Amino acid sequence: MVQTVYQVFVQQDGSYGVVLSQLGKTIRTATGFAAAADAHAWIEQDTRLENADNPFRERDPANPQAH
């Protein structure tokens, strides 16, 4: 599985956003967080969901049972 890299940034209006990137995939952005702590909490939740046992997520073809 390709690791997601998260980067918190401050937007021009003072709110926060998160850039999500994975090697070989489109860069995505989540925006509108009131505080950096909110952005970090969202990252923790996204990481938990990404690592959850989801039968529909992409798996490494060499190891399809890996979680």
PDB file of N, CA and C in Angstrom:
ATOM      1  N   MET A   1       0.841  -1.174   0.000  1.00  0.00           N
ATOM      2  CA  MET A   1       0.000   0.000   0.000  1.00  0.00           C
ATOM      3  C   MET A   1       0.887   1.239   0.000  1.00  0.00           C
ATOM      4  N   VAL A   2       0.498   2.221  -0.782  1.00  0.00           N
ATOM      5  CA  VAL A   2       1.248   3.458  -0.879  1.00  0.00           C
ATOM      6  C   VAL A   2       0.921   4.336   0.328  1.00  0.00           C
ATOM      7  N   GLN A   3       1.946   4.865   0.962  1.00  0.00           N
ATOM      8  CA  GLN A   3       1.762   5.691   2.148  1.00  0.00           C
ATOM      9  C   GLN A   3       1.260   7.079   1.753  1.00  0.00           C
ATOM     10  N   THR A   4       0.303   7.589   2.513  1.00  0.00           N
ATOM     11  CA  THR A   4      -0.191   8.946   2.317  1.00  0.00           C
ATOM     12  C   THR A   4       0.650   9.885   3.165  1.00  0.00           C
ATOM     13  N   VAL A   5       1.091  10.989   2.550  1.00  0.00           N
ATOM     14  CA  VAL A   5       1.849  12.020   3.260  1.00  0.00           C
ATOM     15  C   VAL A   5       0.917  13.201   3.458  1.00  0.00           C
ATOM     16  N   TYR A   6       0.842  13.695   4.695  1.00  0.00           N
ATOM     17  CA  TYR A   6      -0.035  14.806   5.052  1.00  0.00           C
ATOM     18  C   TYR A   6       0.809  16.031   5.391  1.00  0.00           C
ATOM     19  N   GLN A   7       0.348  17.198   4.943  1.00  0.00           N
ATOM     20  CA  GLN A   7       1.044  18.444   5.269  1.00  0.00           C
ATOM     21  C   GLN A   7       0.006  19.504   5.602  1.00  0.00           C
ATOM     22  N   VAL A   8       0.060  20.047   6.811  1.00  0.00           N
ATOM     23  CA  VAL A   8      -0.862  21.096   7.250  1.00  0.00           C
ATOM     24  C   VAL A   8      -0.307  22.443   6.782  1.00  0.00           C
ATOM     25  N   PHE A   9      -1.189  23.321   6.305  1.00  0.00           N
ATOM     26  CA  PHE A   9      -0.766  24.652   5.875  1.00  0.00           C
ATOM     27  C   PHE A   9      -1.811  25.682   6.285  1.00  0.00           C
ATOM     28  N   VAL A  10      -1.383  26.948   6.348  1.00  0.00           N
ATOM     29  CA  VAL A  10      -2.277  28.058   6.680  1.00  0.00           C
ATOM     30  C   VAL A  10      -2.718  28.707   5.371  1.00  0.00           C
ATOM     31  N   GLN A  11      -4.021  28.915   5.229  1.00  0.00           N
ATOM     32  CA  GLN A  11      -4.572  29.557   4.040  1.00  0.00           C
ATOM     33  C   GLN A  11      -4.563  31.080   4.217  1.00  0.00           C
ATOM     34  N   GLN A  12      -4.793  31.797   3.145  1.00  0.00           N
ATOM     35  CA  GLN A  12      -4.761  33.262   3.185  1.00  0.00           C
ATOM     36  C   GLN A  12      -5.777  33.847   4.158  1.00  0.00           C
ATOM     37  N   ASP A  13      -6.909  33.175   4.356  1.00  0.00           N
ATOM     38  CA  ASP A  13      -7.933  33.697   5.264  1.00  0.00           C
ATOM     39  C   ASP A  13      -7.679  33.321   6.724  1.00  0.00           C
ATOM     40  N   GLY A  14      -6.558  32.651   7.005  1.00  0.00           N
ATOM     41  CA  GLY A  14      -6.212  32.283   8.366  1.00  0.00           C
ATOM     42  C   GLY A  14      -6.689  30.905   8.784  1.00  0.00           C
ATOM     43  N   SER A  15      -7.507  30.273   7.953  1.00  0.00           N
ATOM     44  CA  SER A  15      -7.930  28.904   8.260  1.00  0.00           C
ATOM     45  C   SER A  15      -6.812  27.951   7.828  1.00  0.00           C
ATOM     46  N   TYR A  16      -7.010  26.684   8.123  1.00  0.00           N
ATOM     47  CA  TYR A  16      -5.974  25.693   7.840  1.00  0.00           C
ATOM     48  C   TYR A  16      -6.458  24.685   6.812  1.00  0.00           C
ATOM     49  N   GLY A  17      -5.510  24.096   6.135  1.00  0.00           N
ATOM     50  CA  GLY A  17      -5.803  23.050   5.168  1.00  0.00           C
ATOM     51  C   GLY A  17      -4.801  21.926   5.307  1.00  0.00           C
ATOM     52  N   VAL A  18      -5.089  20.824   4.641  1.00  0.00           N
ATOM     53  CA  VAL A  18      -4.203  19.659   4.651  1.00  0.00           C
ATOM     54  C   VAL A  18      -4.014  19.199   3.216  1.00  0.00           C
ATOM     55  N   VAL A  19      -2.764  19.042   2.816  1.00  0.00           N
ATOM     56  CA  VAL A  19      -2.436  18.465   1.512  1.00  0.00           C
ATOM     57  C   VAL A  19      -2.164  16.987   1.727  1.00  0.00           C
ATOM     58  N   LEU A  20      -2.823  16.143   0.917  1.00  0.00           N
ATOM     59  CA  LEU A  20      -2.627  14.694   0.972  1.00  0.00           C
ATOM     60  C   LEU A  20      -1.961  14.278  -0.325  1.00  0.00           C
ATOM     61  N   SER A  21      -0.841  13.602  -0.231  1.00  0.00           N
ATOM     62  CA  SER A  21      -0.172  13.154  -1.451  1.00  0.00           C
ATOM     63  C   SER A  21       0.260  11.707  -1.308  1.00  0.00           C
ATOM     64  N   GLN A  22       0.203  11.016  -2.430  1.00  0.00           N
ATOM     65  CA  GLN A  22       0.662   9.634  -2.533  1.00  0.00           C
ATOM     66  C   GLN A  22       1.442   9.515  -3.830  1.00  0.00           C
ATOM     67  N   LEU A  23       2.515   8.769  -3.784  1.00  0.00           N
ATOM     68  CA  LEU A  23       3.348   8.566  -4.954  1.00  0.00           C
ATOM     69  C   LEU A  23       2.508   8.020  -6.106  1.00  0.00           C
ATOM     70  N   GLY A  24       2.540   8.704  -7.237  1.00  0.00           N
ATOM     71  CA  GLY A  24       1.836   8.240  -8.421  1.00  0.00           C
ATOM     72  C   GLY A  24       0.359   8.568  -8.470  1.00  0.00           C
ATOM     73  N   LYS A  25      -0.138   9.349  -7.512  1.00  0.00           N
ATOM     74  CA  LYS A  25      -1.559   9.695  -7.488  1.00  0.00           C
ATOM     75  C   LYS A  25      -1.734  11.208  -7.471  1.00  0.00           C
ATOM     76  N   THR A  26      -2.944  11.646  -7.752  1.00  0.00           N
ATOM     77  CA  THR A  26      -3.271  13.065  -7.737  1.00  0.00           C
ATOM     78  C   THR A  26      -3.183  13.607  -6.315  1.00  0.00           C
ATOM     79  N   ILE A  27      -2.617  14.793  -6.161  1.00  0.00           N
ATOM     80  CA  ILE A  27      -2.545  15.453  -4.860  1.00  0.00           C
ATOM     81  C   ILE A  27      -3.930  15.977  -4.522  1.00  0.00           C
ATOM     82  N   ARG A  28      -4.361  15.732  -3.286  1.00  0.00           N
ATOM     83  CA  ARG A  28      -5.675  16.187  -2.832  1.00  0.00           C
ATOM     84  C   ARG A  28      -5.501  17.187  -1.697  1.00  0.00           C
ATOM     85  N   THR A  29      -6.510  18.018  -1.496  1.00  0.00           N
ATOM     86  CA  THR A  29      -6.466  19.028  -0.440  1.00  0.00           C
ATOM     87  C   THR A  29      -7.780  19.034   0.318  1.00  0.00           C
ATOM     88  N   ALA A  30      -7.692  19.078   1.643  1.00  0.00           N
ATOM     89  CA  ALA A  30      -8.854  19.255   2.516  1.00  0.00           C
ATOM     90  C   ALA A  30      -8.682  20.625   3.167  1.00  0.00           C
ATOM     91  N   THR A  31      -9.698  21.472   3.100  1.00  0.00           N
ATOM     92  CA  THR A  31      -9.562  22.832   3.603  1.00  0.00           C
ATOM     93  C   THR A  31     -10.704  23.191   4.550  1.00  0.00           C
ATOM     94  N   GLY A  32     -10.554  24.361   5.186  1.00  0.00           N
ATOM     95  CA  GLY A  32     -11.621  24.906   6.004  1.00  0.00           C
ATOM     96  C   GLY A  32     -11.537  24.566   7.482  1.00  0.00           C
ATOM     97  N   PHE A  33     -10.370  24.176   7.965  1.00  0.00           N
ATOM     98  CA  PHE A  33     -10.218  23.875   9.385  1.00  0.00           C
ATOM     99  C   PHE A  33      -9.964  25.177  10.143  1.00  0.00           C
ATOM    100  N   ALA A  34     -10.647  25.367  11.264  1.00  0.00           N
ATOM    101  CA  ALA A  34     -10.538  26.611  12.027  1.00  0.00           C
ATOM    102  C   ALA A  34      -9.192  26.740  12.742  1.00  0.00           C
ATOM    103  N   ALA A  35      -8.604  25.626  13.124  1.00  0.00           N
ATOM    104  CA  ALA A  35      -7.345  25.652  13.868  1.00  0.00           C
ATOM    105  C   ALA A  35      -6.452  24.506  13.394  1.00  0.00           C
ATOM    106  N   ALA A  36      -5.154  24.651  13.654  1.00  0.00           N
ATOM    107  CA  ALA A  36      -4.210  23.595  13.286  1.00  0.00           C
ATOM    108  C   ALA A  36      -4.566  22.287  13.990  1.00  0.00           C
ATOM    109  N   ALA A  37      -5.036  22.386  15.233  1.00  0.00           N
ATOM    110  CA  ALA A  37      -5.418  21.176  15.975  1.00  0.00           C
ATOM    111  C   ALA A  37      -6.551  20.438  15.277  1.00  0.00           C
ATOM    112  N   ASP A  38      -7.489  21.174  14.671  1.00  0.00           N
ATOM    113  CA  ASP A  38      -8.587  20.548  13.931  1.00  0.00           C
ATOM    114  C   ASP A  38      -8.051  19.799  12.707  1.00  0.00           C
ATOM    115  N   ALA A  39      -7.092  20.405  12.027  1.00  0.00           N
ATOM    116  CA  ALA A  39      -6.491  19.760  10.859  1.00  0.00           C
ATOM    117  C   ALA A  39      -5.758  18.484  11.268  1.00  0.00           C
ATOM    118  N   HIS A  40      -5.028  18.539  12.373  1.00  0.00           N
ATOM    119  CA  HIS A  40      -4.303  17.360  12.843  1.00  0.00           C
ATOM    120  C   HIS A  40      -5.265  16.254  13.300  1.00  0.00           C
ATOM    121  N   ALA A  41      -6.364  16.645  13.926  1.00  0.00           N
ATOM    122  CA  ALA A  41      -7.372  15.650  14.335  1.00  0.00           C
ATOM    123  C   ALA A  41      -7.972  14.978  13.109  1.00  0.00           C
ATOM    124  N   TRP A  42      -8.201  15.742  12.059  1.00  0.00           N
ATOM    125  CA  TRP A  42      -8.740  15.189  10.817  1.00  0.00           C
ATOM    126  C   TRP A  42      -7.736  14.198  10.214  1.00  0.00           C
ATOM    127  N   ILE A  43      -6.455  14.540  10.259  1.00  0.00           N
ATOM    128  CA  ILE A  43      -5.418  13.643   9.738  1.00  0.00           C
ATOM    129  C   ILE A  43      -5.441  12.321  10.507  1.00  0.00           C
ATOM    130  N   GLU A  44      -5.555  12.392  11.827  1.00  0.00           N
ATOM    131  CA  GLU A  44      -5.608  11.170  12.635  1.00  0.00           C
ATOM    132  C   GLU A  44      -6.805  10.307  12.237  1.00  0.00           C
ATOM    133  N   GLN A  45      -7.955  10.946  12.047  1.00  0.00           N
ATOM    134  CA  GLN A  45      -9.152  10.199  11.654  1.00  0.00           C
ATOM    135  C   GLN A  45      -8.975   9.587  10.261  1.00  0.00           C
ATOM    136  N   ASP A  46      -8.434  10.356   9.325  1.00  0.00           N
ATOM    137  CA  ASP A  46      -8.238   9.854   7.967  1.00  0.00           C
ATOM    138  C   ASP A  46      -7.265   8.679   7.967  1.00  0.00           C
ATOM    139  N   THR A  47      -6.236   8.763   8.794  1.00  0.00           N
ATOM    140  CA  THR A  47      -5.260   7.676   8.891  1.00  0.00           C
ATOM    141  C   THR A  47      -5.919   6.410   9.433  1.00  0.00           C
ATOM    142  N   ARG A  48      -6.751   6.566  10.463  1.00  0.00           N
ATOM    143  CA  ARG A  48      -7.455   5.402  11.016  1.00  0.00           C
ATOM    144  C   ARG A  48      -8.357   4.771   9.961  1.00  0.00           C
ATOM    145  N   LEU A  49      -9.088   5.606   9.225  1.00  0.00           N
ATOM    146  CA  LEU A  49      -9.994   5.084   8.208  1.00  0.00           C
ATOM    147  C   LEU A  49      -9.231   4.422   7.066  1.00  0.00           C
ATOM    148  N   GLU A  50      -8.108   5.005   6.697  1.00  0.00           N
ATOM    149  CA  GLU A  50      -7.292   4.442   5.624  1.00  0.00           C
ATOM    150  C   GLU A  50      -6.750   3.070   6.014  1.00  0.00           C
ATOM    151  N   ASN A  51      -6.454   2.900   7.295  1.00  0.00           N
ATOM    152  CA  ASN A  51      -5.879   1.649   7.768  1.00  0.00           C
ATOM    153  C   ASN A  51      -6.931   0.653   8.244  1.00  0.00           C
ATOM    154  N   ALA A  52      -8.198   1.048   8.206  1.00  0.00           N
ATOM    155  CA  ALA A  52      -9.271   0.148   8.639  1.00  0.00           C
ATOM    156  C   ALA A  52      -9.417  -1.005   7.644  1.00  0.00           C
ATOM    157  N   ASP A  53     -10.020  -2.076   8.112  1.00  0.00           N
ATOM    158  CA  ASP A  53     -10.226  -3.227   7.244  1.00  0.00           C
ATOM    159  C   ASP A  53     -11.365  -2.905   6.289  1.00  0.00           C
ATOM    160  N   ASN A  54     -11.031  -2.416   5.126  1.00  0.00           N
ATOM    161  CA  ASN A  54     -11.988  -2.001   4.115  1.00  0.00           C
ATOM    162  C   ASN A  54     -11.818  -2.902   2.892  1.00  0.00           C
ATOM    163  N   PRO A  55     -12.795  -3.745   2.593  1.00  0.00           N
ATOM    164  CA  PRO A  55     -12.634  -4.676   1.469  1.00  0.00           C
ATOM    165  C   PRO A  55     -12.602  -3.994   0.102  1.00  0.00           C
ATOM    166  N   PHE A  56     -12.942  -2.709   0.038  1.00  0.00           N
ATOM    167  CA  PHE A  56     -12.992  -2.024  -1.243  1.00  0.00           C
ATOM    168  C   PHE A  56     -11.755  -1.183  -1.530  1.00  0.00           C
ATOM    169  N   ARG A  57     -10.858  -1.041  -0.554  1.00  0.00           N
ATOM    170  CA  ARG A  57      -9.674  -0.222  -0.806  1.00  0.00           C
ATOM    171  C   ARG A  57      -8.690  -0.984  -1.679  1.00  0.00           C
ATOM    172  N   GLU A  58      -7.832  -0.218  -2.339  1.00  0.00           N
ATOM    173  CA  GLU A  58      -6.831  -0.834  -3.204  1.00  0.00           C
ATOM    174  C   GLU A  58      -5.817  -1.569  -2.343  1.00  0.00           C
ATOM    175  N   ARG A  59      -5.420  -2.725  -2.815  1.00  0.00           N
ATOM    176  CA  ARG A  59      -4.417  -3.526  -2.104  1.00  0.00           C
ATOM    177  C   ARG A  59      -3.247  -3.802  -3.044  1.00  0.00           C
ATOM    178  N   ASP A  60      -2.130  -4.084  -2.460  1.00  0.00           N
ATOM    179  CA  ASP A  60      -0.942  -4.430  -3.222  1.00  0.00           C
ATOM    180  C   ASP A  60      -1.205  -5.763  -3.917  1.00  0.00           C
ATOM    181  N   PRO A  61      -1.131  -5.818  -5.255  1.00  0.00           N
ATOM    182  CA  PRO A  61      -1.392  -7.072  -5.971  1.00  0.00           C
ATOM    183  C   PRO A  61      -0.480  -8.210  -5.533  1.00  0.00           C
ATOM    184  N   ALA A  62       0.722  -7.890  -5.054  1.00  0.00           N
ATOM    185  CA  ALA A  62       1.649  -8.925  -4.615  1.00  0.00           C
ATOM    186  C   ALA A  62       1.256  -9.504  -3.261  1.00  0.00           C
ATOM    187  N   ASN A  63       0.442  -8.775  -2.502  1.00  0.00           N
ATOM    188  CA  ASN A  63       0.044  -9.224  -1.170  1.00  0.00           C
ATOM    189  C   ASN A  63      -1.394  -8.783  -0.909  1.00  0.00           C
ATOM    190  N   PRO A  64      -2.376  -9.374  -1.565  1.00  0.00           N
ATOM    191  CA  PRO A  64      -3.757  -8.900  -1.495  1.00  0.00           C
ATOM    192  C   PRO A  64      -4.410  -9.042  -0.119  1.00  0.00           C
ATOM    193  N   GLN A  65      -3.845  -9.846   0.772  1.00  0.00           N
ATOM    194  CA  GLN A  65      -4.433 -10.011   2.099  1.00  0.00           C
ATOM    195  C   GLN A  65      -3.857  -9.018   3.115  1.00  0.00           C
ATOM    196  N   ALA A  66      -2.862  -8.249   2.739  1.00  0.00           N
ATOM    197  CA  ALA A  66      -2.219  -7.303   3.678  1.00  0.00           C
ATOM    198  C   ALA A  66      -3.210  -6.226   4.078  1.00  0.00           C
ATOM    199  N   HIS A  67      -3.119  -5.803   5.312  1.00  0.00           N
ATOM    200  CA  HIS A  67      -4.002  -4.755   5.821  1.00  0.00           C
ATOM    201  C   HIS A  67      -3.238  -3.515   6.054  1.00  0.00           C
TER     202      HIS A  67
END
